[in-house]
Amino acid sequence: MTYEEIHALGNSIDGVYNNYSQDGTRKVTAKLEDCCLTLTYQTIVHIARDQGMHLQTPRLKDESSQMIRSRLNLVKKTFRECCDRALKTKKIGESDLFETISTNPYTPKRVIKYSMSVTYEVS
């Protein structure tokens, strides 16, 4: 990629001016490192019981995949408008993470942060 294309890609993923948060409870951030673009979805969930996490996990994974795909399509569209060529991406990695933010020994309610990261090789 040329310097101008890298600059256009950086402007396409800029999180300050191109904020991609629908309602403040979920967001997708983007990071460009070498020739890899990493999109990370984050949200906070409230789970009533341990079984609730098993029930919500498929919904969270589906929602995160949809939002990451949507953000990637937006980045590709913006890049195409700037550079008059398509941005080629190849998925090279994916991971998700549950982090307990707070818990209370007197109630089964938990507050959990869910993150999913997908890494793409760009050219």
Protein backbone atom coordinates (compact mmCIF):
# COMPACT_ATOMS: atom_id res chain seq x y z
CA MET A 1 0.00 0.00 0.00
CA THR A 2 1.15 3.50 -0.75
CA TYR A 3 1.42 6.24 1.86
CA GLU A 4 -1.71 7.93 0.49
CA GLU A 5 -3.68 4.66 0.76
CA ILE A 6 -2.50 4.09 4.33
CA HIS A 7 -3.49 7.67 5.18
CA ALA A 8 -6.94 7.14 3.60
CA LEU A 9 -7.37 3.89 5.53
CA GLY A 10 -6.39 5.66 8.75
CA ASN A 11 -9.00 8.34 8.08
CA SER A 12 -11.58 5.61 7.34
CA ILE A 13 -11.08 3.93 10.71
CA ASP A 14 -10.66 7.10 12.77
CA GLY A 15 -12.69 6.65 15.94
CA VAL A 16 -12.79 10.33 16.88
CA TYR A 17 -14.57 11.71 13.83
CA ASN A 18 -16.12 8.44 12.62
CA ASN A 19 -17.56 7.22 15.92
CA TYR A 20 -19.47 4.00 15.42
CA SER A 21 -21.54 3.63 18.57
CA GLN A 22 -25.25 3.11 18.12
CA ASP A 23 -26.61 3.92 21.55
CA GLY A 24 -23.61 4.19 23.83
CA THR A 25 -23.86 0.67 25.24
CA ARG A 26 -22.02 -1.02 22.37
CA LYS A 27 -19.15 0.09 20.21
CA VAL A 28 -16.76 -1.13 17.56
CA THR A 29 -13.25 0.28 17.58
CA ALA A 30 -10.64 -0.17 14.87
CA LYS A 31 -6.87 -0.39 15.06
CA LEU A 32 -4.38 -0.51 12.20
CA GLU A 33 -1.02 -2.11 12.89
CA ASP A 34 1.38 -2.88 10.03
CA CYS A 35 -0.85 -4.55 7.43
CA CYS A 36 -3.42 -5.80 9.96
CA LEU A 37 -6.74 -4.17 10.78
CA THR A 38 -8.29 -5.23 14.10
CA LEU A 39 -11.95 -4.49 14.78
CA THR A 40 -13.07 -4.88 18.40
CA TYR A 41 -16.68 -4.99 19.57
CA GLN A 42 -17.39 -4.18 23.25
CA THR A 43 -20.53 -4.14 25.35
CA ILE A 44 -21.64 -4.39 28.96
CA VAL A 45 -24.20 -7.07 29.88
CA HIS A 46 -26.11 -7.78 33.07
CA ILE A 47 -26.51 -11.47 33.80
CA ALA A 48 -28.87 -12.75 36.46
CA ARG A 49 -27.46 -16.26 36.90
CA ASP A 50 -24.66 -18.44 35.57
CA GLN A 51 -27.17 -20.09 33.22
CA GLY A 52 -27.98 -16.64 31.83
CA MET A 53 -24.46 -16.33 30.44
CA HIS A 54 -24.88 -19.56 28.47
CA LEU A 55 -28.17 -18.29 27.09
CA GLN A 56 -26.82 -14.85 26.13
CA THR A 57 -23.51 -15.98 24.61
CA PRO A 58 -24.89 -16.99 21.17
CA ARG A 59 -26.83 -13.71 20.91
CA LEU A 60 -23.75 -11.70 21.87
CA LYS A 61 -21.56 -13.49 19.33
CA ASP A 62 -24.13 -12.98 16.58
CA GLU A 63 -24.59 -9.30 17.41
CA SER A 64 -20.84 -8.68 17.59
CA SER A 65 -20.25 -10.40 14.24
CA GLN A 66 -22.96 -8.29 12.60
CA MET A 67 -21.61 -5.02 13.99
CA ILE A 68 -18.02 -5.86 13.05
CA ARG A 69 -19.12 -6.76 9.50
CA SER A 70 -21.07 -3.52 9.30
CA ARG A 71 -18.07 -1.48 10.47
CA LEU A 72 -15.78 -3.28 8.00
CA ASN A 73 -18.21 -2.51 5.16
CA LEU A 74 -18.23 1.16 6.22
CA VAL A 75 -14.41 1.25 6.26
CA LYS A 76 -14.28 -0.37 2.81
CA LYS A 77 -16.86 2.08 1.42
CA THR A 78 -15.00 5.10 2.81
CA PHE A 79 -11.67 3.76 1.52
CA ARG A 80 -13.13 3.19 -1.96
CA GLU A 81 -14.45 6.78 -2.05
CA CYS A 82 -10.99 8.13 -1.13
CA CYS A 83 -8.76 5.90 -3.26
CA ASP A 84 -10.97 4.78 -6.16
CA ARG A 85 -10.10 1.15 -5.52
CA ALA A 86 -11.40 -1.63 -3.32
CA LEU A 87 -9.79 -2.53 -0.02
CA LYS A 88 -9.02 -6.25 0.07
CA THR A 89 -9.31 -7.96 3.45
CA LYS A 90 -8.59 -11.49 4.60
CA LYS A 91 -9.70 -12.68 8.04
CA ILE A 92 -6.69 -14.03 9.95
CA GLY A 93 -7.90 -14.24 13.54
CA GLU A 94 -10.82 -13.98 15.93
CA SER A 95 -11.16 -14.03 19.71
CA ASP A 96 -13.72 -13.17 22.33
CA LEU A 97 -13.46 -12.40 26.03
CA PHE A 98 -15.76 -12.15 29.05
CA GLU A 99 -14.58 -9.97 31.96
CA THR A 100 -16.47 -9.75 35.24
CA ILE A 101 -16.80 -6.10 36.23
CA SER A 102 -18.82 -6.50 39.40
CA THR A 103 -20.55 -9.18 41.41
CA ASN A 104 -22.40 -9.31 44.69
CA PRO A 105 -22.41 -12.29 47.06
CA TYR A 106 -26.01 -11.53 48.07
CA THR A 107 -27.54 -11.56 44.60
CA PRO A 108 -26.87 -13.71 41.53
CA LYS A 109 -26.63 -10.58 39.34
CA ARG A 110 -23.31 -9.94 37.56
CA VAL A 111 -22.07 -7.16 35.34
CA ILE A 112 -19.84 -8.47 32.56
CA LYS A 113 -17.89 -6.79 29.76
CA TYR A 114 -17.95 -8.77 26.52
CA SER A 115 -15.35 -8.14 23.81
CA MET A 116 -14.84 -9.74 20.41
CA SER A 117 -11.84 -8.93 18.21
CA VAL A 118 -11.45 -9.86 14.57
CA THR A 119 -8.16 -9.29 12.76
CA TYR A 120 -7.96 -8.81 8.99
CA GLU A 121 -4.95 -8.63 6.71
CA VAL A 122 -5.43 -5.63 4.41
CA SER A 123 -4.01 -4.98 0.97
